[in-house]
Structures are given as structure tokens and as C-alpha cells.
Amino acid sequence: MNTSVCLTVVALLATILDLPILSSAFVVRPSPPTFARAYVSSKVCMAGFGSASGGKKGKKAKKTTTPLKLKPKSQWDRYCDVLKKSAAISVGVRVVKGDERGDWLKVGRVKSVGDEFTELAVAMQRGLIAEHAKRLLPLQVLPKDVVEWAYIKDNDGEEEWVLISKDICDDAPSGVEKKMGFEGLPDPASGFYCHYDQGRLVDRSDESKSITKS
């Protein structure tokens, strides 16, 4: 066997057994095999951090309308200061338990610009009305009770409760919440909707009117 053949055999054995080749000047080791991972994209898709290029775009989340979170003080200020000439409409709630309906309970009054938004004034301020009902009448309206809302309409000298659905808020004009106000019946226990003049509990809209503490 001549020298070139021997060197070739040695080179093959060294490659197979991964042994160092002493005569590197005569033998060139083959390149190591290319692994599949060399072809894997380095961009990783992580939930919430985008998707890999070329993938399908995720569907946009459907927008939902969130009820406005109105502040009691702001709506009370509008009721007393901005809407002085508007009519005060009594409002209340009743507790709903399955198919049973409780009695209507007065908890305050609403006003709106030009008396045009009475129903919206009840529906959009329903959170304030319900919260005050539970505060004012804790034994009749419990914290987890489901309630309905209504306002009182004068029907030939008789009071008629008009039930209001919150769904009417879906078509409410933008910014209409600034054209209405709510004043709850005074609650001396919590101080909500209480206005005092020289130690007397009075009507904030007319301080000459004293209010009897309940």
C-alpha cells in the first residue's frame, strides 16, 4: 500500500472516530454537518408580545361601552348650582328578588337642562342613586341587592312611578351627563347630601328651608 493510500485511510478513520490528525498539511478534515437548528428563525412568538412575521394577524378585541363613573359631589353641585331653574323630579329604587318586586323607595331627586333629559338623568346616574339607597336605607336595600330605578310622574294629581331601563344610555348624546344632576335625601349618619347653616340642616338650594332629621 503506497503512502497516499495510507494517508487517505488514516484520514477517514480520524474523521469517523473524531481523532486529531497529525499530518494536517496533507489531510483536510470535512466540515462538520449543518444542523437543522441553523435554519430556525431567531424570532420567538410570545403571547402578548406580538407574532412571528408572516403569521396571521390576531383579531381586534370588540369595543365595549363602559358606564360612566360619576362623582356624587360633581352631580350634586350641578343639581344645586347649575340647574337652579330646572324642575326637581323625585327618584327611587325597588328591590328585585327573582319574580318578586318590593315597594318603591324614594331616595332623592334629579334635574336636567330644560327638563329634557329626565329619563336619562335617572339611567345615567343610576349608580349614584343605588349607592345612596343602600346608604340611606341599609335595612331595606342590602349591599348585594339587585334594584330597579324609576322617577315619579304626576298623573292627574296622583304619583305614578315610571320604570327606567339602563339600555337608554346606549343612545345618549355625548357629554349629556354634564346637563343633569342628582341630590340624594340627606343622610346625617354618613353626612352625604347634608348642608348645614348655623347648625341647622337645610336645603342647599334654599337655605331658608329647614330639613327635619330622620
N, C-alpha and C. Protein backbone atom coordinates (compact mmCIF):
# COMPACT_ATOMS: atom_id res chain seq x y z
N MET A 1 0.88 -1.18 0.00
CA MET A 1 0.00 0.00 0.00
C MET A 1 0.90 1.22 0.00
N ASN A 2 0.72 2.18 -0.96
CA ASN A 2 1.57 3.35 -1.03
C ASN A 2 1.19 4.39 0.01
N THR A 3 2.00 5.42 0.09
CA THR A 3 1.82 6.44 1.16
C THR A 3 0.52 7.19 1.03
N SER A 4 0.13 7.59 -0.18
CA SER A 4 -1.11 8.38 -0.36
C SER A 4 -2.33 7.59 0.06
N VAL A 5 -2.33 6.28 -0.22
CA VAL A 5 -3.48 5.45 0.19
C VAL A 5 -3.53 5.35 1.69
N CYS A 6 -2.37 5.19 2.34
CA CYS A 6 -2.35 5.09 3.81
C CYS A 6 -2.87 6.35 4.46
N LEU A 7 -2.43 7.47 3.91
CA LEU A 7 -2.90 8.74 4.47
C LEU A 7 -4.40 8.90 4.32
N THR A 8 -4.92 8.45 3.21
CA THR A 8 -6.37 8.55 2.99
C THR A 8 -7.14 7.71 3.99
N VAL A 9 -6.65 6.48 4.24
CA VAL A 9 -7.30 5.59 5.21
C VAL A 9 -7.25 6.19 6.60
N VAL A 10 -6.09 6.76 6.96
CA VAL A 10 -5.95 7.38 8.29
C VAL A 10 -6.91 8.55 8.44
N ALA A 11 -7.03 9.33 7.40
CA ALA A 11 -7.92 10.49 7.44
C ALA A 11 -9.36 10.08 7.64
N LEU A 12 -9.77 9.02 6.95
CA LEU A 12 -11.15 8.54 7.10
C LEU A 12 -11.40 8.02 8.50
N LEU A 13 -10.42 7.24 9.05
CA LEU A 13 -10.58 6.72 10.42
C LEU A 13 -10.63 7.87 11.42
N ALA A 14 -9.81 8.87 11.22
CA ALA A 14 -9.78 10.01 12.15
C ALA A 14 -11.11 10.76 12.12
N THR A 15 -11.67 10.88 10.95
CA THR A 15 -12.96 11.58 10.82
C THR A 15 -14.06 10.84 11.53
N ILE A 16 -14.06 9.47 11.32
CA ILE A 16 -15.09 8.64 11.94
C ILE A 16 -14.96 8.64 13.45
N LEU A 17 -13.74 8.52 13.96
CA LEU A 17 -13.50 8.42 15.41
C LEU A 17 -13.28 9.77 16.05
N ASP A 18 -13.36 10.84 15.29
CA ASP A 18 -13.17 12.21 15.78
C ASP A 18 -11.82 12.35 16.47
N LEU A 19 -10.74 11.78 15.83
CA LEU A 19 -9.38 11.86 16.38
C LEU A 19 -8.61 12.97 15.68
N PRO A 20 -7.70 13.60 16.40
CA PRO A 20 -6.91 14.66 15.76
C PRO A 20 -6.01 14.10 14.67
N ILE A 21 -5.81 14.83 13.63
CA ILE A 21 -4.97 14.41 12.50
C ILE A 21 -3.63 15.11 12.61
N LEU A 22 -2.59 14.33 12.70
CA LEU A 22 -1.27 14.89 12.89
C LEU A 22 -0.75 15.53 11.63
N SER A 23 -0.99 14.91 10.49
CA SER A 23 -0.46 15.43 9.24
C SER A 23 -1.48 16.34 8.60
N SER A 24 -1.74 17.49 9.25
CA SER A 24 -2.76 18.41 8.76
C SER A 24 -2.35 19.05 7.45
N ALA A 25 -1.09 19.00 7.16
CA ALA A 25 -0.64 19.61 5.90
C ALA A 25 -1.07 18.79 4.71
N PHE A 26 -1.38 17.53 4.93
CA PHE A 26 -1.76 16.66 3.82
C PHE A 26 -3.25 16.30 3.81
N VAL A 27 -3.89 16.42 4.99
CA VAL A 27 -5.28 15.97 5.07
C VAL A 27 -6.18 17.12 5.50
N VAL A 28 -7.25 17.34 4.81
CA VAL A 28 -8.25 18.38 5.17
C VAL A 28 -9.48 17.71 5.73
N ARG A 29 -9.80 18.07 7.00
CA ARG A 29 -10.99 17.44 7.61
C ARG A 29 -12.26 18.00 6.99
N PRO A 30 -13.23 17.15 6.79
CA PRO A 30 -14.51 17.64 6.22
C PRO A 30 -15.21 18.57 7.20
N SER A 31 -15.98 19.48 6.66
CA SER A 31 -16.73 20.42 7.51
C SER A 31 -17.76 19.67 8.34
N PRO A 32 -17.98 20.12 9.60
CA PRO A 32 -19.00 19.45 10.43
C PRO A 32 -20.37 19.58 9.81
N PRO A 33 -21.20 18.63 10.08
CA PRO A 33 -22.55 18.67 9.47
C PRO A 33 -23.33 19.88 9.95
N THR A 34 -24.16 20.42 9.08
CA THR A 34 -25.00 21.58 9.41
C THR A 34 -26.29 21.07 10.06
N PHE A 35 -26.56 21.56 11.27
CA PHE A 35 -27.74 21.08 11.99
C PHE A 35 -28.98 21.87 11.58
N ALA A 36 -30.11 21.25 11.77
CA ALA A 36 -31.38 21.86 11.36
C ALA A 36 -31.63 23.16 12.09
N ARG A 37 -31.12 23.30 13.34
CA ARG A 37 -31.41 24.49 14.10
C ARG A 37 -30.83 25.75 13.46
N ALA A 38 -29.89 25.57 12.55
CA ALA A 38 -29.32 26.74 11.88
C ALA A 38 -30.35 27.43 11.01
N TYR A 39 -31.44 26.73 10.70
CA TYR A 39 -32.46 27.29 9.83
C TYR A 39 -33.70 27.76 10.59
N VAL A 40 -33.66 27.69 11.91
CA VAL A 40 -34.81 28.12 12.72
C VAL A 40 -34.73 29.61 12.95
N SER A 41 -35.84 30.31 12.74
CA SER A 41 -35.85 31.76 12.94
C SER A 41 -35.56 32.09 14.39
N SER A 42 -34.79 33.15 14.61
CA SER A 42 -34.45 33.55 15.97
C SER A 42 -35.57 34.33 16.63
N LYS A 43 -36.60 34.75 15.89
CA LYS A 43 -37.72 35.49 16.46
C LYS A 43 -38.73 34.53 17.06
N VAL A 44 -39.01 34.72 18.36
CA VAL A 44 -39.92 33.82 19.06
C VAL A 44 -41.25 34.52 19.31
N CYS A 45 -42.32 33.87 19.01
CA CYS A 45 -43.66 34.43 19.23
C CYS A 45 -44.07 34.17 20.67
N MET A 46 -44.36 35.24 21.40
CA MET A 46 -44.79 35.11 22.78
C MET A 46 -46.15 35.78 22.94
N ALA A 47 -47.02 35.13 23.68
CA ALA A 47 -48.36 35.67 23.88
C ALA A 47 -48.28 37.05 24.50
N GLY A 48 -48.93 37.99 23.84
CA GLY A 48 -48.95 39.34 24.36
C GLY A 48 -47.80 40.20 23.89
N PHE A 49 -46.87 39.63 23.15
CA PHE A 49 -45.71 40.40 22.71
C PHE A 49 -45.55 40.39 21.20
N GLY A 50 -46.61 40.13 20.47
CA GLY A 50 -46.53 40.15 19.02
C GLY A 50 -46.42 38.76 18.45
N SER A 51 -46.50 38.65 17.14
CA SER A 51 -46.46 37.35 16.46
C SER A 51 -45.31 37.34 15.48
N ALA A 52 -44.92 36.13 15.08
CA ALA A 52 -43.82 36.00 14.11
C ALA A 52 -44.25 36.56 12.78
N SER A 53 -43.26 37.05 12.01
CA SER A 53 -43.57 37.64 10.72
C SER A 53 -44.15 36.59 9.79
N GLY A 54 -45.13 37.04 9.00
CA GLY A 54 -45.75 36.13 8.05
C GLY A 54 -46.94 35.40 8.63
N GLY A 55 -47.16 35.50 9.97
CA GLY A 55 -48.28 34.81 10.58
C GLY A 55 -49.56 35.60 10.40
N LYS A 56 -50.67 34.99 10.76
CA LYS A 56 -51.96 35.66 10.64
C LYS A 56 -52.12 36.68 11.75
N LYS A 57 -52.66 37.82 11.41
CA LYS A 57 -52.88 38.87 12.40
C LYS A 57 -54.04 38.49 13.31
N GLY A 58 -53.88 38.76 14.61
CA GLY A 58 -54.94 38.46 15.56
C GLY A 58 -56.12 39.40 15.37
N LYS A 59 -57.30 38.94 15.73
CA LYS A 59 -58.50 39.75 15.60
C LYS A 59 -58.51 40.82 16.68
N LYS A 60 -58.96 42.01 16.33
CA LYS A 60 -59.04 43.10 17.29
C LYS A 60 -60.18 42.83 18.28
N ALA A 61 -59.93 43.19 19.53
CA ALA A 61 -60.96 42.99 20.55
C ALA A 61 -62.13 43.91 20.29
N LYS A 62 -63.32 43.39 20.51
CA LYS A 62 -64.53 44.16 20.28
C LYS A 62 -64.68 45.20 21.37
N LYS A 63 -64.93 46.43 20.97
CA LYS A 63 -65.05 47.51 21.94
C LYS A 63 -66.34 47.36 22.73
N THR A 64 -66.26 47.66 24.01
CA THR A 64 -67.45 47.62 24.87
C THR A 64 -67.61 48.97 25.53
N THR A 65 -68.84 49.37 25.73
CA THR A 65 -69.13 50.65 26.35
C THR A 65 -69.17 50.48 27.86
N THR A 66 -68.33 51.22 28.53
CA THR A 66 -68.27 51.16 29.98
C THR A 66 -69.12 52.28 30.56
N PRO A 67 -69.99 51.96 31.52
CA PRO A 67 -70.82 53.01 32.14
C PRO A 67 -69.94 54.09 32.75
N LEU A 68 -70.37 55.32 32.64
CA LEU A 68 -69.62 56.43 33.20
C LEU A 68 -69.61 56.36 34.72
N LYS A 69 -68.47 56.63 35.29
CA LYS A 69 -68.35 56.68 36.74
C LYS A 69 -68.49 58.13 37.16
N LEU A 70 -69.68 58.50 37.62
CA LEU A 70 -69.96 59.88 38.00
C LEU A 70 -69.65 60.09 39.48
N LYS A 71 -69.22 61.30 39.79
CA LYS A 71 -68.86 61.64 41.17
C LYS A 71 -70.06 62.29 41.87
N PRO A 72 -70.39 61.83 43.07
CA PRO A 72 -71.55 62.38 43.80
C PRO A 72 -71.48 63.89 43.96
N LYS A 73 -70.30 64.41 44.34
CA LYS A 73 -70.16 65.85 44.59
C LYS A 73 -70.38 66.65 43.32
N SER A 74 -69.82 66.20 42.21
CA SER A 74 -69.96 66.93 40.95
C SER A 74 -71.41 67.00 40.51
N GLN A 75 -72.11 65.88 40.61
CA GLN A 75 -73.51 65.86 40.19
C GLN A 75 -74.40 66.65 41.15
N TRP A 76 -74.04 66.66 42.42
CA TRP A 76 -74.80 67.45 43.40
C TRP A 76 -74.59 68.94 43.15
N ASP A 77 -73.34 69.33 42.82
CA ASP A 77 -73.05 70.74 42.51
C ASP A 77 -73.86 71.20 41.30
N ARG A 78 -73.94 70.36 40.28
CA ARG A 78 -74.72 70.73 39.10
C ARG A 78 -76.20 70.87 39.45
N TYR A 79 -76.67 69.95 40.27
CA TYR A 79 -78.08 69.96 40.68
C TYR A 79 -78.42 71.28 41.38
N CYS A 80 -77.56 71.68 42.31
CA CYS A 80 -77.86 72.86 43.13
C CYS A 80 -77.46 74.18 42.49
N ASP A 81 -76.35 74.22 41.77
CA ASP A 81 -75.82 75.49 41.29
C ASP A 81 -76.11 75.78 39.82
N VAL A 82 -76.02 74.76 38.98
CA VAL A 82 -76.19 74.97 37.54
C VAL A 82 -77.65 74.85 37.11
N LEU A 83 -78.37 73.97 37.76
CA LEU A 83 -79.74 73.66 37.32
C LEU A 83 -80.80 74.21 38.28
N LYS A 84 -80.57 75.42 38.78
CA LYS A 84 -81.49 76.01 39.76
C LYS A 84 -82.91 76.17 39.21
N LYS A 85 -83.02 76.47 37.93
CA LYS A 85 -84.34 76.73 37.35
C LYS A 85 -85.03 75.46 36.82
N SER A 86 -84.36 74.34 36.88
CA SER A 86 -84.95 73.09 36.39
C SER A 86 -85.83 72.46 37.46
N ALA A 87 -86.80 71.68 37.02
CA ALA A 87 -87.72 71.01 37.95
C ALA A 87 -87.01 69.85 38.64
N ALA A 88 -87.29 69.70 39.93
CA ALA A 88 -86.74 68.59 40.71
C ALA A 88 -87.70 67.40 40.62
N ILE A 89 -87.19 66.29 40.11
CA ILE A 89 -88.01 65.09 39.90
C ILE A 89 -87.59 64.02 40.91
N SER A 90 -88.55 63.55 41.70
CA SER A 90 -88.23 62.52 42.70
C SER A 90 -87.91 61.20 42.03
N VAL A 91 -86.91 60.51 42.57
CA VAL A 91 -86.50 59.21 42.03
C VAL A 91 -86.37 58.21 43.17
N GLY A 92 -86.40 56.93 42.80
CA GLY A 92 -86.27 55.90 43.82
C GLY A 92 -85.90 54.55 43.23
N VAL A 93 -85.83 53.58 44.10
CA VAL A 93 -85.49 52.21 43.69
C VAL A 93 -86.44 51.24 44.36
N ARG A 94 -86.46 50.03 43.81
CA ARG A 94 -87.15 48.93 44.47
C ARG A 94 -86.30 47.68 44.32
N VAL A 95 -86.33 46.84 45.32
CA VAL A 95 -85.51 45.63 45.33
C VAL A 95 -86.17 44.54 44.51
N VAL A 96 -85.37 43.84 43.71
CA VAL A 96 -85.85 42.75 42.86
C VAL A 96 -85.25 41.43 43.36
N LYS A 97 -86.11 40.48 43.66
CA LYS A 97 -85.67 39.14 44.07
C LYS A 97 -86.43 38.11 43.27
N GLY A 98 -85.80 37.63 42.20
CA GLY A 98 -86.48 36.69 41.31
C GLY A 98 -87.64 37.38 40.61
N ASP A 99 -88.84 36.82 40.78
CA ASP A 99 -90.04 37.42 40.18
C ASP A 99 -90.71 38.41 41.12
N GLU A 100 -90.19 38.57 42.30
CA GLU A 100 -90.80 39.46 43.28
C GLU A 100 -90.21 40.87 43.19
N ARG A 101 -91.08 41.85 43.37
CA ARG A 101 -90.68 43.24 43.36
C ARG A 101 -91.11 43.89 44.68
N GLY A 102 -90.18 44.63 45.28
CA GLY A 102 -90.50 45.32 46.51
C GLY A 102 -91.22 46.64 46.26
N ASP A 103 -91.47 47.38 47.31
CA ASP A 103 -92.11 48.69 47.17
C ASP A 103 -91.09 49.72 46.71
N TRP A 104 -91.60 50.75 46.04
CA TRP A 104 -90.72 51.83 45.61
C TRP A 104 -90.30 52.66 46.82
N LEU A 105 -89.03 53.03 46.86
CA LEU A 105 -88.47 53.79 47.97
C LEU A 105 -87.83 55.07 47.43
N LYS A 106 -88.28 56.21 47.90
CA LYS A 106 -87.70 57.47 47.46
C LYS A 106 -86.31 57.65 48.07
N VAL A 107 -85.37 58.05 47.23
CA VAL A 107 -84.01 58.25 47.75
C VAL A 107 -83.41 59.60 47.34
N GLY A 108 -84.12 60.36 46.48
CA GLY A 108 -83.57 61.64 46.09
C GLY A 108 -84.32 62.25 44.91
N ARG A 109 -83.63 63.20 44.23
CA ARG A 109 -84.24 63.91 43.10
C ARG A 109 -83.20 64.11 42.00
N VAL A 110 -83.68 64.25 40.78
CA VAL A 110 -82.81 64.57 39.65
C VAL A 110 -83.30 65.83 38.96
N LYS A 111 -82.38 66.49 38.26
CA LYS A 111 -82.71 67.64 37.42
C LYS A 111 -81.96 67.48 36.11
N SER A 112 -82.48 68.14 35.06
CA SER A 112 -81.78 68.16 33.77
C SER A 112 -82.05 69.48 33.08
N VAL A 113 -81.17 69.86 32.18
CA VAL A 113 -81.31 71.12 31.45
C VAL A 113 -82.63 71.15 30.69
N GLY A 114 -83.44 72.18 30.96
CA GLY A 114 -84.72 72.33 30.26
C GLY A 114 -85.70 71.20 30.55
N ASP A 115 -85.42 70.42 31.57
CA ASP A 115 -86.26 69.26 31.93
C ASP A 115 -86.41 68.30 30.75
N GLU A 116 -85.38 68.24 29.91
CA GLU A 116 -85.45 67.44 28.68
C GLU A 116 -84.88 66.03 28.83
N PHE A 117 -84.10 65.79 29.88
CA PHE A 117 -83.40 64.51 29.97
C PHE A 117 -83.73 63.76 31.27
N THR A 118 -84.98 63.82 31.69
CA THR A 118 -85.35 63.18 32.96
C THR A 118 -85.03 61.69 32.98
N GLU A 119 -85.43 60.98 31.94
CA GLU A 119 -85.20 59.53 31.90
C GLU A 119 -83.71 59.21 31.87
N LEU A 120 -82.96 59.98 31.07
CA LEU A 120 -81.50 59.77 31.02
C LEU A 120 -80.87 60.14 32.35
N ALA A 121 -81.41 61.14 33.01
CA ALA A 121 -80.86 61.57 34.30
C ALA A 121 -80.97 60.45 35.33
N VAL A 122 -82.03 59.66 35.23
CA VAL A 122 -82.18 58.51 36.12
C VAL A 122 -81.25 57.39 35.70
N ALA A 123 -81.26 57.07 34.40
CA ALA A 123 -80.48 55.94 33.91
C ALA A 123 -78.97 56.16 34.05
N MET A 124 -78.50 57.34 33.70
CA MET A 124 -77.05 57.59 33.72
C MET A 124 -76.52 57.80 35.14
N GLN A 125 -77.40 58.21 36.04
CA GLN A 125 -76.98 58.41 37.43
C GLN A 125 -77.46 57.28 38.34
N ARG A 126 -77.82 56.16 37.72
CA ARG A 126 -78.38 55.04 38.48
C ARG A 126 -77.40 54.51 39.52
N GLY A 127 -76.10 54.60 39.21
CA GLY A 127 -75.11 54.14 40.18
C GLY A 127 -75.16 54.97 41.45
N LEU A 128 -75.23 56.28 41.29
CA LEU A 128 -75.31 57.17 42.45
C LEU A 128 -76.60 56.93 43.23
N ILE A 129 -77.68 56.71 42.49
CA ILE A 129 -78.99 56.50 43.14
C ILE A 129 -78.98 55.21 43.94
N ALA A 130 -78.48 54.13 43.35
CA ALA A 130 -78.44 52.84 44.04
C ALA A 130 -77.51 52.87 45.26
N GLU A 131 -76.35 53.50 45.10
CA GLU A 131 -75.40 53.60 46.20
C GLU A 131 -76.01 54.35 47.38
N HIS A 132 -76.73 55.43 47.07
CA HIS A 132 -77.32 56.22 48.15
C HIS A 132 -78.49 55.47 48.79
N ALA A 133 -79.23 54.71 48.01
CA ALA A 133 -80.33 53.92 48.58
C ALA A 133 -79.79 52.94 49.62
N LYS A 134 -78.68 52.29 49.32
CA LYS A 134 -78.08 51.32 50.25
C LYS A 134 -77.49 52.02 51.48
N ARG A 135 -77.07 53.26 51.27
CA ARG A 135 -76.51 54.04 52.38
C ARG A 135 -77.63 54.59 53.27
N LEU A 136 -78.67 55.10 52.64
CA LEU A 136 -79.78 55.75 53.35
C LEU A 136 -80.71 54.75 54.02
N LEU A 137 -80.92 53.62 53.34
CA LEU A 137 -81.88 52.62 53.83
C LEU A 137 -81.20 51.25 53.92
N PRO A 138 -80.23 51.10 54.82
CA PRO A 138 -79.43 49.88 54.87
C PRO A 138 -80.20 48.62 55.25
N LEU A 139 -81.34 48.78 55.92
CA LEU A 139 -82.12 47.60 56.30
C LEU A 139 -83.10 47.18 55.21
N GLN A 140 -83.40 48.10 54.31
CA GLN A 140 -84.35 47.81 53.23
C GLN A 140 -83.66 47.49 51.90
N VAL A 141 -82.49 48.08 51.71
CA VAL A 141 -81.71 47.81 50.49
C VAL A 141 -80.34 47.33 50.92
N LEU A 142 -80.12 46.04 50.80
CA LEU A 142 -78.87 45.44 51.25
C LEU A 142 -77.76 45.64 50.20
N PRO A 143 -76.50 45.53 50.63
CA PRO A 143 -75.37 45.79 49.71
C PRO A 143 -75.40 45.00 48.41
N LYS A 144 -75.86 43.74 48.45
CA LYS A 144 -75.84 42.90 47.25
C LYS A 144 -77.21 42.80 46.56
N ASP A 145 -78.16 43.59 47.01
CA ASP A 145 -79.50 43.55 46.40
C ASP A 145 -79.48 44.08 44.97
N VAL A 146 -80.28 43.47 44.12
CA VAL A 146 -80.50 43.95 42.76
C VAL A 146 -81.68 44.91 42.80
N VAL A 147 -81.54 46.06 42.15
CA VAL A 147 -82.61 47.06 42.21
C VAL A 147 -83.03 47.51 40.82
N GLU A 148 -84.20 48.11 40.77
CA GLU A 148 -84.69 48.79 39.58
C GLU A 148 -84.85 50.26 39.92
N TRP A 149 -84.84 51.11 38.87
CA TRP A 149 -84.90 52.55 39.08
C TRP A 149 -86.16 53.12 38.44
N ALA A 150 -86.64 54.23 39.02
CA ALA A 150 -87.82 54.88 38.46
C ALA A 150 -87.87 56.33 38.94
N TYR A 151 -88.69 57.13 38.27
CA TYR A 151 -88.96 58.50 38.72
C TYR A 151 -90.46 58.67 38.87
N ILE A 152 -90.84 59.69 39.62
CA ILE A 152 -92.27 59.93 39.88
C ILE A 152 -92.82 60.94 38.89
N LYS A 153 -93.92 60.56 38.26
CA LYS A 153 -94.61 61.44 37.31
C LYS A 153 -95.98 61.79 37.88
N ASP A 154 -96.33 63.05 37.74
CA ASP A 154 -97.65 63.50 38.23
C ASP A 154 -98.71 63.14 37.20
N ASN A 155 -99.60 62.25 37.59
CA ASN A 155 -100.66 61.80 36.70
C ASN A 155 -102.01 62.23 37.27
N ASP A 156 -102.46 63.43 36.84
CA ASP A 156 -103.73 63.98 37.33
C ASP A 156 -103.77 64.03 38.86
N GLY A 157 -102.70 64.54 39.43
CA GLY A 157 -102.67 64.71 40.88
C GLY A 157 -102.21 63.47 41.64
N GLU A 158 -102.01 62.38 40.96
CA GLU A 158 -101.55 61.16 41.61
C GLU A 158 -100.13 60.82 41.17
N GLU A 159 -99.36 60.30 42.11
CA GLU A 159 -97.98 59.94 41.81
C GLU A 159 -97.91 58.60 41.08
N GLU A 160 -97.19 58.59 39.99
CA GLU A 160 -97.02 57.37 39.20
C GLU A 160 -95.52 57.11 39.02
N TRP A 161 -95.09 55.91 39.40
CA TRP A 161 -93.69 55.54 39.23
C TRP A 161 -93.45 55.07 37.80
N VAL A 162 -92.47 55.68 37.14
CA VAL A 162 -92.14 55.34 35.75
C VAL A 162 -90.82 54.57 35.76
N LEU A 163 -90.90 53.29 35.41
CA LEU A 163 -89.72 52.42 35.41
C LEU A 163 -88.76 52.82 34.28
N ILE A 164 -87.47 52.85 34.59
CA ILE A 164 -86.45 53.26 33.62
C ILE A 164 -85.50 52.10 33.34
N SER A 165 -85.21 51.88 32.05
CA SER A 165 -84.24 50.86 31.65
C SER A 165 -82.89 51.53 31.42
N LYS A 166 -81.83 50.88 31.89
CA LYS A 166 -80.48 51.43 31.69
C LYS A 166 -80.06 51.39 30.23
N ASP A 167 -80.77 50.62 29.40
CA ASP A 167 -80.41 50.48 27.99
C ASP A 167 -80.54 51.78 27.21
N ILE A 168 -81.31 52.74 27.74
CA ILE A 168 -81.48 54.00 27.01
C ILE A 168 -80.17 54.79 26.98
N CYS A 169 -79.22 54.41 27.82
CA CYS A 169 -77.92 55.10 27.84
C CYS A 169 -77.13 54.83 26.56
N ASP A 170 -77.46 53.74 25.86
CA ASP A 170 -76.72 53.37 24.64
C ASP A 170 -76.79 54.46 23.58
N ASP A 171 -77.88 55.20 23.54
CA ASP A 171 -78.07 56.23 22.53
C ASP A 171 -77.96 57.63 23.12
N ALA A 172 -77.36 57.75 24.29
CA ALA A 172 -77.26 59.05 24.95
C ALA A 172 -76.28 59.97 24.21
N PRO A 173 -76.62 61.24 24.07
CA PRO A 173 -75.70 62.19 23.42
C PRO A 173 -74.41 62.33 24.22
N SER A 174 -73.32 62.58 23.53
CA SER A 174 -72.03 62.74 24.20
C SER A 174 -72.05 63.96 25.11
N GLY A 175 -71.56 63.78 26.34
CA GLY A 175 -71.47 64.89 27.28
C GLY A 175 -72.76 65.25 27.99
N VAL A 176 -73.82 64.46 27.78
CA VAL A 176 -75.11 64.80 28.38
C VAL A 176 -75.08 64.68 29.90
N GLU A 177 -74.13 63.91 30.44
CA GLU A 177 -74.04 63.76 31.90
C GLU A 177 -73.75 65.11 32.58
N LYS A 178 -73.24 66.08 31.81
CA LYS A 178 -72.97 67.41 32.36
C LYS A 178 -74.20 68.30 32.33
N LYS A 179 -75.29 67.76 31.81
CA LYS A 179 -76.53 68.53 31.74
C LYS A 179 -77.57 67.99 32.72
N MET A 180 -77.10 67.29 33.73
CA MET A 180 -78.01 66.70 34.71
C MET A 180 -77.35 66.68 36.08
N GLY A 181 -78.15 66.45 37.10
CA GLY A 181 -77.61 66.38 38.44
C GLY A 181 -78.48 65.51 39.33
N PHE A 182 -77.91 65.11 40.46
CA PHE A 182 -78.65 64.27 41.41
C PHE A 182 -78.38 64.77 42.83
N GLU A 183 -79.45 64.83 43.61
CA GLU A 183 -79.34 65.16 45.02
C GLU A 183 -80.08 64.08 45.81
N GLY A 184 -79.35 63.38 46.65
CA GLY A 184 -79.97 62.37 47.49
C GLY A 184 -80.64 63.00 48.70
N LEU A 185 -81.56 62.29 49.29
CA LEU A 185 -82.14 62.75 50.54
C LEU A 185 -81.03 62.80 51.59
N PRO A 186 -81.03 63.82 52.45
CA PRO A 186 -79.94 63.97 53.43
C PRO A 186 -79.80 62.73 54.31
N ASP A 187 -78.56 62.35 54.53
CA ASP A 187 -78.26 61.21 55.41
C ASP A 187 -77.27 61.67 56.49
N PRO A 188 -77.79 62.18 57.61
CA PRO A 188 -76.91 62.69 58.68
C PRO A 188 -75.93 61.65 59.20
N ALA A 189 -76.27 60.37 59.13
CA ALA A 189 -75.39 59.33 59.65
C ALA A 189 -74.07 59.28 58.90
N SER A 190 -74.11 59.51 57.58
CA SER A 190 -72.90 59.47 56.77
C SER A 190 -72.44 60.86 56.36
N GLY A 191 -73.35 61.85 56.46
CA GLY A 191 -73.03 63.21 56.04
C GLY A 191 -73.30 63.48 54.57
N PHE A 192 -73.71 62.45 53.83
CA PHE A 192 -73.98 62.63 52.41
C PHE A 192 -75.21 63.50 52.19
N TYR A 193 -75.06 64.44 51.26
CA TYR A 193 -76.14 65.35 50.85
C TYR A 193 -76.70 66.14 52.04
N CYS A 194 -75.85 66.47 52.98
CA CYS A 194 -76.25 67.28 54.12
C CYS A 194 -75.63 68.67 54.01
N HIS A 195 -76.44 69.69 54.16
CA HIS A 195 -75.97 71.07 54.10
C HIS A 195 -76.47 71.78 55.35
N TYR A 196 -75.54 72.38 56.08
CA TYR A 196 -75.89 73.00 57.36
C TYR A 196 -75.70 74.52 57.31
N ASP A 197 -76.59 75.20 58.02
CA ASP A 197 -76.49 76.64 58.18
C ASP A 197 -76.72 76.96 59.66
N GLN A 198 -75.65 77.41 60.32
CA GLN A 198 -75.69 77.72 61.75
C GLN A 198 -76.20 76.52 62.56
N GLY A 199 -75.71 75.35 62.19
CA GLY A 199 -76.06 74.15 62.92
C GLY A 199 -77.38 73.52 62.50
N ARG A 200 -78.08 74.16 61.58
CA ARG A 200 -79.37 73.62 61.11
C ARG A 200 -79.16 72.87 59.79
N LEU A 201 -79.80 71.73 59.66
CA LEU A 201 -79.78 71.00 58.40
C LEU A 201 -80.79 71.65 57.47
N VAL A 202 -80.30 72.22 56.37
CA VAL A 202 -81.17 72.98 55.47
C VAL A 202 -81.05 72.46 54.04
N ASP A 203 -82.00 72.92 53.23
CA ASP A 203 -81.98 72.61 51.80
C ASP A 203 -80.87 73.45 51.17
N ARG A 204 -79.93 72.81 50.52
CA ARG A 204 -78.82 73.56 49.93
C ARG A 204 -79.29 74.53 48.87
N SER A 205 -80.34 74.17 48.15
CA SER A 205 -80.85 75.05 47.10
C SER A 205 -81.64 76.22 47.67
N ASP A 206 -82.12 76.08 48.89
CA ASP A 206 -82.89 77.13 49.56
C ASP A 206 -82.64 77.01 51.07
N GLU A 207 -81.66 77.78 51.55
CA GLU A 207 -81.24 77.65 52.94
C GLU A 207 -82.31 78.09 53.94
N SER A 208 -83.36 78.74 53.44
CA SER A 208 -84.43 79.14 54.35
C SER A 208 -85.29 77.94 54.75
N LYS A 209 -85.14 76.84 54.02
CA LYS A 209 -85.94 75.65 54.31
C LYS A 209 -85.14 74.69 55.20
N SER A 210 -85.65 74.50 56.40
CA SER A 210 -85.01 73.54 57.30
C SER A 210 -85.47 72.13 56.94
N ILE A 211 -84.60 71.17 57.21
CA ILE A 211 -84.91 69.77 56.92
C ILE A 211 -84.93 69.02 58.25
N THR A 212 -86.01 68.32 58.47
CA THR A 212 -86.13 67.54 59.72
C THR A 212 -85.25 66.31 59.63
N LYS A 213 -84.42 66.11 60.64
CA LYS A 213 -83.55 64.94 60.67
C LYS A 213 -84.38 63.70 60.92
N SER A 214 -84.16 62.66 60.11
CA SER A 214 -84.90 61.41 60.27
C SER A 214 -84.18 60.46 61.19
